[in-house]
Protein backbone atom coordinates (compact mmCIF):
# COMPACT_ATOMS: atom_id res chain seq x y z
CA MET A 1 2.82 -13.04 47.30
CA THR A 2 6.34 -13.38 45.98
CA CYS A 3 7.02 -13.56 42.24
CA ASN A 4 8.87 -16.69 41.16
CA HIS A 5 10.72 -14.74 38.45
CA CYS A 6 12.20 -11.79 40.35
CA ASN A 7 11.35 -12.61 44.00
CA THR A 8 9.47 -9.33 44.38
CA GLU A 9 6.61 -9.18 46.86
CA TYR A 10 3.30 -7.88 45.55
CA PRO A 11 -0.31 -7.62 46.83
CA GLY A 12 -2.56 -10.57 46.20
CA ASP A 13 -5.03 -8.74 43.92
CA VAL A 14 -2.65 -8.37 40.95
CA THR A 15 -2.19 -10.83 38.12
CA VAL A 16 1.05 -9.53 36.62
CA CYS A 17 4.27 -8.76 38.51
CA PRO A 18 4.73 -4.94 38.53
CA LYS A 19 8.52 -5.27 38.30
CA CYS A 20 9.17 -7.92 35.63
CA SER A 21 5.71 -7.87 33.98
CA GLN A 22 5.49 -11.66 34.02
CA PRO A 23 2.04 -13.26 34.48
CA LEU A 24 1.58 -14.95 37.83
CA GLU A 25 1.96 -18.70 37.88
CA TYR A 26 0.89 -21.43 40.20
CA GLY A 27 3.39 -21.89 42.95
CA SER A 28 4.09 -18.24 43.74
CA THR A 29 4.95 -17.88 47.43
CA PRO A 30 2.49 -16.01 49.70
CA SER A 31 4.09 -13.60 52.18
CA ILE A 32 3.12 -12.85 55.79
CA ARG A 33 2.30 -9.26 54.83
CA ASP A 34 -0.20 -10.47 52.24
CA ALA A 35 -1.76 -12.79 54.80
CA GLU A 36 -2.30 -9.87 57.16
CA SER A 37 -3.78 -7.77 54.36
CA PHE A 38 -6.16 -10.51 53.37
CA ALA A 39 -7.30 -11.33 56.91
CA PRO A 40 -6.54 -8.46 59.29
CA GLY A 41 -6.84 -9.36 62.95
CA ALA A 42 -7.13 -13.11 62.33
CA GLU A 43 -6.09 -15.26 65.26
CA SER A 44 -4.71 -18.04 63.10
CA PHE A 45 -2.95 -18.08 59.76
CA ALA A 46 -5.19 -20.81 58.27
CA PRO A 47 -8.21 -18.61 57.36
CA ALA A 48 -5.92 -16.01 55.83
CA ASN A 49 -4.09 -18.70 53.89
CA GLU A 50 -7.40 -20.00 52.53
CA ALA A 51 -8.35 -16.48 51.44
CA ILE A 52 -4.98 -16.05 49.76
CA SER A 53 -5.28 -19.38 48.00
CA SER A 54 -8.80 -18.68 46.74
CA GLN A 55 -8.02 -15.20 45.39
CA PHE A 56 -4.68 -16.33 44.01
CA ASP A 57 -6.29 -19.21 42.12
CA LEU A 58 -8.82 -16.82 40.61
CA SER A 59 -6.14 -14.30 39.60
CA VAL A 60 -3.95 -16.98 38.05
CA THR A 61 -6.90 -18.47 36.19
CA VAL A 62 -7.75 -15.08 34.67
CA ALA A 63 -4.11 -14.36 33.80
CA VAL A 64 -3.40 -17.77 32.30
CA SER A 65 -6.66 -17.90 30.33
CA GLY A 66 -6.10 -14.37 28.99
CA SER A 67 -2.51 -15.17 28.12
CA ALA A 68 -3.49 -18.40 26.36
CA SER A 69 -6.23 -16.66 24.40
CA ILE A 70 -3.96 -13.86 23.17
CA ARG A 71 -0.92 -16.05 22.62
CA SER A 72 -2.94 -18.56 20.57
CA ARG A 73 -4.23 -15.74 18.35
CA LEU A 74 -1.25 -13.35 18.34
CA ARG A 75 1.78 -15.49 17.63
CA PRO A 76 4.45 -15.67 14.91
CA ARG A 77 3.31 -17.66 11.89
CA THR A 78 4.78 -19.09 8.71
CA VAL A 79 3.51 -18.09 5.28
CA LEU A 80 1.31 -21.18 5.01
CA GLU A 81 -0.05 -20.61 8.51
CA ILE A 82 -0.92 -17.03 7.57
CA ILE A 83 -2.77 -18.27 4.48
CA GLY A 84 -4.62 -20.91 6.51
CA GLU A 85 -5.59 -18.43 9.21
CA SER A 86 -6.78 -16.02 6.50
CA PHE A 87 -9.26 -18.57 5.12
CA SER A 88 -10.42 -19.37 8.65
CA LEU A 89 -10.92 -15.71 9.50
CA TYR A 90 -12.81 -15.08 6.26
CA SER A 91 -15.08 -18.10 6.75
CA ARG A 92 -16.07 -16.84 10.22
CA HIS A 93 -16.69 -13.21 9.21
CA TRP A 94 -17.55 -13.30 5.49
CA LYS A 95 -20.89 -11.59 6.12
CA LEU A 96 -19.13 -8.57 7.63
CA PHE A 97 -16.66 -8.35 4.75
CA ALA A 98 -19.47 -8.70 2.19
CA ALA A 99 -21.48 -5.95 3.90
CA VAL A 100 -18.49 -3.61 3.92
CA VAL A 101 -17.65 -4.21 0.27
CA LEU A 102 -21.23 -4.00 -0.98
CA CYS A 103 -22.00 -0.81 0.94
CA ILE A 104 -18.97 0.93 -0.55
CA THR A 105 -18.76 -0.41 -4.11
CA SER A 106 -22.42 -1.00 -5.01
CA PRO A 107 -23.28 2.70 -5.61
CA VAL A 108 -20.42 3.05 -8.09
CA LEU A 109 -21.34 -0.16 -9.92
CA LEU A 110 -24.99 0.86 -10.02
CA PHE A 111 -24.05 4.29 -11.36
CA GLU A 112 -22.00 2.64 -14.10
CA LEU A 113 -24.90 0.31 -14.89
CA LEU A 114 -27.40 3.16 -15.25
CA ASP A 115 -24.99 5.32 -17.27
CA PRO A 116 -22.64 2.89 -19.08
CA SER A 117 -21.57 5.59 -21.54
CA LEU A 118 -19.02 6.63 -18.90
CA THR A 119 -16.90 3.61 -19.77
CA GLY A 120 -18.29 2.68 -23.18
CA GLY A 121 -19.23 -0.69 -21.73
CA GLN A 122 -22.59 -0.91 -23.53
CA MET A 123 -21.17 -0.71 -27.08
CA LEU A 124 -18.24 -2.30 -28.89
CA GLY A 125 -17.03 -1.47 -32.39
CA GLY A 126 -18.92 0.62 -34.94
CA SER A 127 -17.79 3.31 -37.33
CA HIS A 128 -17.92 5.91 -34.51
CA PRO A 129 -16.73 4.16 -31.37
CA HIS A 130 -17.18 5.78 -27.99
CA MET A 131 -14.15 7.79 -27.00
CA PRO A 132 -13.48 8.42 -23.32
CA GLY A 133 -13.69 12.05 -22.27
CA VAL A 134 -13.58 14.13 -19.12
CA ASP A 135 -16.56 12.30 -17.65
CA PHE A 136 -14.70 9.01 -18.07
CA LEU A 137 -11.60 10.37 -16.31
CA LEU A 138 -13.67 11.75 -13.45
CA PHE A 139 -15.51 8.47 -13.08
CA MET A 140 -12.24 6.51 -13.00
CA LEU A 141 -10.86 8.82 -10.30
CA LEU A 142 -14.06 8.31 -8.30
CA ALA A 143 -13.84 4.54 -8.76
CA MET A 144 -10.20 4.55 -7.61
CA ALA A 145 -11.06 6.60 -4.50
CA VAL A 146 -13.92 4.20 -3.69
CA PHE A 147 -11.58 1.25 -4.16
CA PHE A 148 -9.09 2.73 -1.70
CA LEU A 149 -11.92 3.46 0.76
CA ASN A 150 -12.92 -0.18 0.42
CA LEU A 151 -9.37 -1.30 1.23
CA PHE A 152 -9.23 1.09 4.19
CA ALA A 153 -12.50 -0.20 5.68
CA LEU A 154 -11.51 -3.83 5.15
CA THR A 155 -8.11 -3.24 6.74
CA ARG A 156 -9.77 -1.77 9.82
CA ALA A 157 -12.27 -4.64 9.99
CA ILE A 158 -9.58 -7.32 9.64
CA SER A 159 -7.41 -5.64 12.26
CA GLU A 160 -10.23 -5.36 14.80
CA ILE A 161 -11.31 -8.97 14.27
CA TYR A 162 -7.76 -10.28 14.54
CA LEU A 163 -7.31 -8.46 17.83
CA GLY A 164 -10.46 -10.10 19.19
CA ARG A 165 -12.73 -7.06 19.12
CA ASN A 166 -16.34 -6.89 17.98
CA VAL A 167 -16.90 -4.48 15.12
CA SER A 168 -19.77 -3.66 12.77
CA ALA A 169 -19.78 -2.66 9.12
CA ALA A 170 -21.00 0.85 9.99
CA GLU A 171 -18.03 1.40 12.31
CA VAL A 172 -15.35 0.50 9.78
CA ILE A 173 -17.05 2.17 6.81
CA ARG A 174 -17.15 5.52 8.60
CA PRO A 175 -13.96 7.32 7.45
CA ASN A 176 -11.71 9.11 9.92
CA ASN A 177 -8.56 11.20 9.76
CA ARG A 178 -6.42 8.10 9.16
CA PHE A 179 -8.06 7.59 5.76
CA TRP A 180 -6.11 10.48 4.26
CA GLY A 181 -2.80 8.99 5.32
CA PHE A 182 -3.97 5.66 3.95
CA LEU A 183 -5.03 7.27 0.68
CA GLY A 184 -1.70 9.06 0.35
CA ALA A 185 0.22 5.85 1.09
CA MET A 186 -1.78 3.95 -1.53
CA CYS A 187 -1.24 6.67 -4.14
CA LEU A 188 2.50 6.81 -3.47
CA SER A 189 2.72 3.02 -3.57
CA THR A 190 0.85 2.92 -6.88
CA LEU A 191 3.10 5.60 -8.34
CA ALA A 192 6.19 3.70 -7.20
CA ILE A 193 5.01 0.44 -8.78
CA PHE A 194 3.98 1.97 -12.09
CA GLY A 195 7.07 4.19 -12.04
CA VAL A 196 9.26 1.09 -11.99
CA TYR A 197 7.11 -0.36 -14.79
CA PHE A 198 7.33 2.63 -17.13
CA VAL A 199 10.98 3.40 -16.42
CA GLY A 200 11.87 -0.25 -16.92
CA PHE A 201 10.15 -0.51 -20.28
CA PHE A 202 11.59 2.82 -21.37
CA VAL A 203 15.06 1.45 -20.62
CA LEU A 204 14.12 -1.78 -22.41
CA PHE A 205 13.03 0.15 -25.49
CA ALA A 206 16.25 2.17 -25.48
CA VAL A 207 18.38 -0.97 -25.06
CA LEU A 208 16.60 -2.74 -27.91
CA ILE A 209 17.08 0.23 -30.23
CA GLY A 210 20.77 0.40 -29.34
CA PHE A 211 21.18 -3.34 -29.74
CA ALA A 212 19.40 -3.31 -33.10
CA ALA A 213 21.63 -0.48 -34.30
CA ALA A 214 24.75 -2.34 -33.13
CA SER A 215 23.69 -5.52 -34.91
CA HIS A 216 22.62 -3.75 -38.10
CA GLY A 217 25.23 -5.62 -40.13
CA MET A 218 24.25 -8.99 -38.70
CA HIS A 219 21.92 -11.26 -40.66
CA GLY A 220 20.27 -14.59 -40.06
CA PRO A 221 18.55 -16.15 -37.06
CA SER A 222 21.41 -15.36 -34.69
CA SER A 223 20.59 -11.64 -34.69
CA PHE A 224 16.90 -12.27 -33.92
CA THR A 225 17.86 -14.75 -31.18
CA ALA A 226 20.14 -12.20 -29.56
CA ILE A 227 17.50 -9.45 -29.72
CA PHE A 228 14.76 -11.65 -28.25
CA GLY A 229 17.15 -12.93 -25.61
CA VAL A 230 17.97 -9.41 -24.47
CA MET A 231 14.28 -8.47 -24.53
CA PHE A 232 13.18 -11.42 -22.36
CA LEU A 233 16.05 -10.81 -19.95
CA MET A 234 15.11 -7.16 -19.55
CA ILE A 235 11.41 -8.04 -19.07
CA ALA A 236 12.38 -10.53 -16.37
CA VAL A 237 14.45 -7.87 -14.61
CA ILE A 238 11.56 -5.39 -14.79
CA LEU A 239 9.11 -7.93 -13.34
CA VAL A 240 11.50 -8.76 -10.50
CA LEU A 241 11.96 -5.06 -9.69
CA MET A 242 8.19 -4.56 -9.72
CA LEU A 243 7.74 -7.56 -7.41
CA PHE A 244 10.23 -6.22 -4.87
CA THR A 245 8.61 -2.78 -5.09
CA VAL A 246 5.21 -4.30 -4.32
CA VAL A 247 6.70 -6.22 -1.39
CA GLY A 248 8.40 -3.10 -0.06
CA VAL A 249 5.19 -1.05 0.10
CA MET A 250 2.68 -3.81 0.86
CA LEU A 251 2.47 -2.95 4.58
CA ALA A 252 2.06 0.80 4.07
CA GLY A 253 -1.73 0.46 4.08
CA PRO A 254 -1.96 -1.36 7.43
CA ALA A 255 0.61 1.01 8.94
CA ALA A 256 -1.52 4.01 7.94
CA ALA A 257 -4.89 2.49 8.88
CA VAL A 258 -3.83 0.92 12.19
CA GLU A 259 -1.11 3.27 13.47
CA GLY A 260 -2.25 6.51 11.85
CA LYS A 261 0.98 7.01 9.92
CA GLY A 262 1.22 9.59 7.17
CA ALA A 263 1.83 8.62 3.54
CA VAL A 264 5.64 8.77 3.59
CA ALA A 265 5.92 7.51 7.18
CA ALA A 266 3.70 4.53 6.32
CA ILE A 267 5.98 3.47 3.46
CA GLU A 268 9.04 3.90 5.68
CA ARG A 269 7.30 1.81 8.34
CA SER A 270 6.61 -0.93 5.77
CA LEU A 271 10.23 -1.05 4.71
CA LYS A 272 11.45 -1.06 8.31
CA LEU A 273 9.16 -3.89 9.42
CA GLN A 274 10.24 -6.14 6.56
CA ARG A 275 13.97 -5.89 7.14
CA GLY A 276 15.20 -9.44 7.51
CA PHE A 277 11.93 -10.93 6.24
CA LEU A 278 12.11 -9.97 2.57
CA TRP A 279 11.71 -13.47 1.14
CA LYS A 280 8.76 -14.18 3.38
CA GLY A 281 7.09 -11.09 1.96
CA VAL A 282 7.96 -12.19 -1.58
CA GLY A 283 6.41 -15.62 -1.06
CA LEU A 284 3.28 -14.17 0.49
CA THR A 285 2.93 -11.60 -2.29
CA ILE A 286 3.20 -14.26 -5.01
CA LEU A 287 0.67 -16.55 -3.33
CA CYS A 288 -1.79 -13.71 -2.68
CA GLY A 289 -1.43 -12.30 -6.19
CA LEU A 290 -1.94 -15.66 -7.87
CA GLY A 291 -4.88 -16.52 -5.63
CA TYR A 292 -6.53 -13.16 -6.22
CA SER A 293 -6.13 -13.39 -10.01
CA ILE A 294 -7.38 -16.98 -10.21
CA LEU A 295 -10.38 -16.43 -7.93
CA GLN A 296 -11.44 -13.22 -9.63
CA SER A 297 -11.09 -14.82 -13.08
CA ILE A 298 -13.24 -17.78 -12.04
CA ILE A 299 -16.00 -15.57 -10.63
CA LEU A 300 -16.03 -13.17 -13.61
CA SER A 301 -15.60 -15.87 -16.26
CA PRO A 302 -19.32 -15.86 -17.34
CA TYR A 303 -19.16 -12.15 -18.08
CA TYR A 304 -15.78 -12.56 -19.79
CA VAL A 305 -17.44 -15.07 -22.14
CA ILE A 306 -20.13 -12.50 -22.97
CA VAL A 307 -17.58 -9.77 -23.69
CA PHE A 308 -15.44 -12.17 -25.73
CA GLY A 309 -18.45 -13.10 -27.86
CA ALA A 310 -19.20 -9.42 -28.45
CA MET A 311 -15.59 -8.82 -29.48
CA MET A 312 -15.77 -11.70 -31.97
CA GLN A 313 -18.86 -10.12 -33.51
CA THR A 314 -17.05 -6.80 -33.72
CA MET A 315 -14.12 -8.42 -35.52
CA ALA A 316 -16.49 -10.14 -37.97
CA HIS A 317 -18.44 -6.92 -38.63
CA PRO A 318 -16.15 -3.98 -37.78
CA ASN A 319 -18.57 -1.27 -38.96
CA VAL A 320 -21.58 -2.60 -37.03
CA PRO A 321 -21.70 -1.67 -33.33
CA VAL A 322 -22.38 -4.50 -30.92
CA ILE A 323 -24.50 -3.51 -27.93
CA ILE A 324 -24.22 -5.57 -24.75
CA PRO A 325 -27.79 -6.16 -23.47
CA PHE A 326 -28.90 -4.60 -20.19
CA SER A 327 -29.56 -7.99 -18.60
CA GLU A 328 -26.02 -9.13 -19.32
CA ARG A 329 -24.64 -5.92 -17.85
CA ILE A 330 -26.67 -6.60 -14.70
CA LEU A 331 -25.05 -10.04 -14.57
CA GLY A 332 -21.65 -8.37 -14.88
CA MET A 333 -22.44 -6.00 -11.99
CA ILE A 334 -23.57 -8.88 -9.76
CA LEU A 335 -20.45 -10.89 -10.56
CA ALA A 336 -18.26 -7.84 -9.90
CA CYS A 337 -19.87 -7.43 -6.46
CA VAL A 338 -19.31 -11.11 -5.67
CA ALA A 339 -15.69 -10.90 -6.82
CA SER A 340 -15.10 -7.79 -4.70
CA ALA A 341 -16.69 -9.40 -1.63
CA THR A 342 -14.56 -12.54 -1.89
CA ALA A 343 -11.32 -11.95 -3.78
CA VAL A 344 -10.48 -8.56 -2.24
CA PRO A 345 -10.82 -9.63 1.44
CA LEU A 346 -9.01 -12.91 0.82
CA PHE A 347 -6.18 -10.91 -0.79
CA LEU A 348 -6.04 -8.34 2.00
CA ILE A 349 -6.37 -10.57 5.09
CA PRO A 350 -2.93 -12.24 4.66
CA ILE A 351 -1.29 -8.82 4.29
CA VAL A 352 -2.81 -7.54 7.55
CA LEU A 353 -1.90 -10.78 9.34
CA TYR A 354 1.65 -10.51 7.97
CA TYR A 355 1.82 -6.95 9.31
CA TYR A 356 0.90 -8.15 12.80
CA ASP A 357 3.21 -11.15 12.45
CA LEU A 358 6.18 -8.82 11.99
CA ARG A 359 5.09 -6.59 14.88
CA ILE A 360 4.86 -9.66 17.12
CA ARG A 361 8.33 -10.81 16.06
CA LYS A 362 10.03 -7.42 16.30
CA GLU A 363 8.03 -5.44 18.86
CA ALA A 364 6.48 -8.03 21.22
CA PHE A 365 3.03 -6.87 20.17
CA ASP A 366 1.42 -9.95 21.76
CA LEU A 367 2.90 -9.07 25.18
CA GLN A 368 1.69 -5.48 24.82
CA MET A 369 -1.86 -6.66 24.11
CA LEU A 370 -1.68 -9.10 27.03
CA SER A 371 -0.58 -6.38 29.45
CA GLU A 372 -3.40 -4.10 28.25
CA GLN A 373 -5.99 -6.86 28.67
CA LEU A 374 -4.77 -7.55 32.22
CA GLY A 375 -4.89 -3.84 33.04
CA TYR A 376 -1.20 -2.91 32.84
CA GLY A 377 0.06 -0.57 30.12
CA VAL A 378 3.58 -1.97 30.00
CA GLU A 379 5.45 -0.36 27.12
CA THR A 380 8.33 -2.40 25.77
CA PRO A 381 11.44 -0.59 24.48
CA ALA A 382 10.66 -1.77 20.94
CA TYR A 383 7.22 -0.17 21.12
CA ARG A 384 8.58 3.12 22.42
CA ALA A 385 11.18 3.17 19.66
CA SER A 386 8.68 2.34 16.93
CA GLY A 387 6.05 4.83 17.95
CA ALA A 388 3.42 2.11 17.62
CA ILE A 389 1.81 2.73 21.02
CA GLN A 390 -1.56 4.35 20.45
């Protein structure tokens, strides 16, 4: 056979040109040497040609079908296409996501249900309200670690499904060495986001004090208008900085879970992947954040009504403690499990798909997967430079 792209001869049992790595196409030219290899000692060329044609058709069918399958799944997408594909992926595999979330988060929720004094959730108000202690802090650290383990397992599950692999809940729940890099990346990302928050409001407080001191001699509504104007402007700046911080680190989790990056390397990888696609990340972050907040609020709204009613009773009778009944706390636990099994995966799937979208655009990840499926480990220069080859 002779490749139509680079005119290189190759044996008839390959499906990708070894020189240019292009999939074989119909119309590639068979060579005399291939005819002899297919039908050694044949008296006429016709039987050999038939053998070549039959095997070539089979090879091209496999190559084209594999290419179409991968290219239809692994291709660059817009923000709306990522959102649409996320809903489609969740609808096909919601049982897996629910099993992962429930296996990880249910023990913590059950522990909180059986011993609600850890969070003071069973009692509101009273002359001696429950004050959080060391047990509360330890429980919150445990809950945060479980939450990050949940994100890690879901990231692995989403990645495997998106790449067309079969995976079970037990396989993705089982932690491995990459979890520690993921945990470190999540902790650093959280510290960066809240660091911007606290530093921003500290600066806001200092600016307001300085502005109030400068306008001490001013009276009337103009002074209050100026103060509130400066305050709202500073709050807007802080929110924008927090948004861009979230966007900058949003791919650190997938980079750690999929590529095995360390904490710092994962954040650097996130920033590097998003160069040139900042506004796409901003739009996706806003849509995911709003969707997550709205969906979680809708699911937990019955329990919010119960807590709001208890708070109203506490305000009416501040010295009388209001105890939330056990049955209502069970309802809250069930709703929390439902919210975790729906809102969290639907929030995380677009982020993982966005991560692969950028790798496809910048590193030809789809071609790498195609070459691996067809049996050729062709490493592109972008992959070698990125260190993404496993």
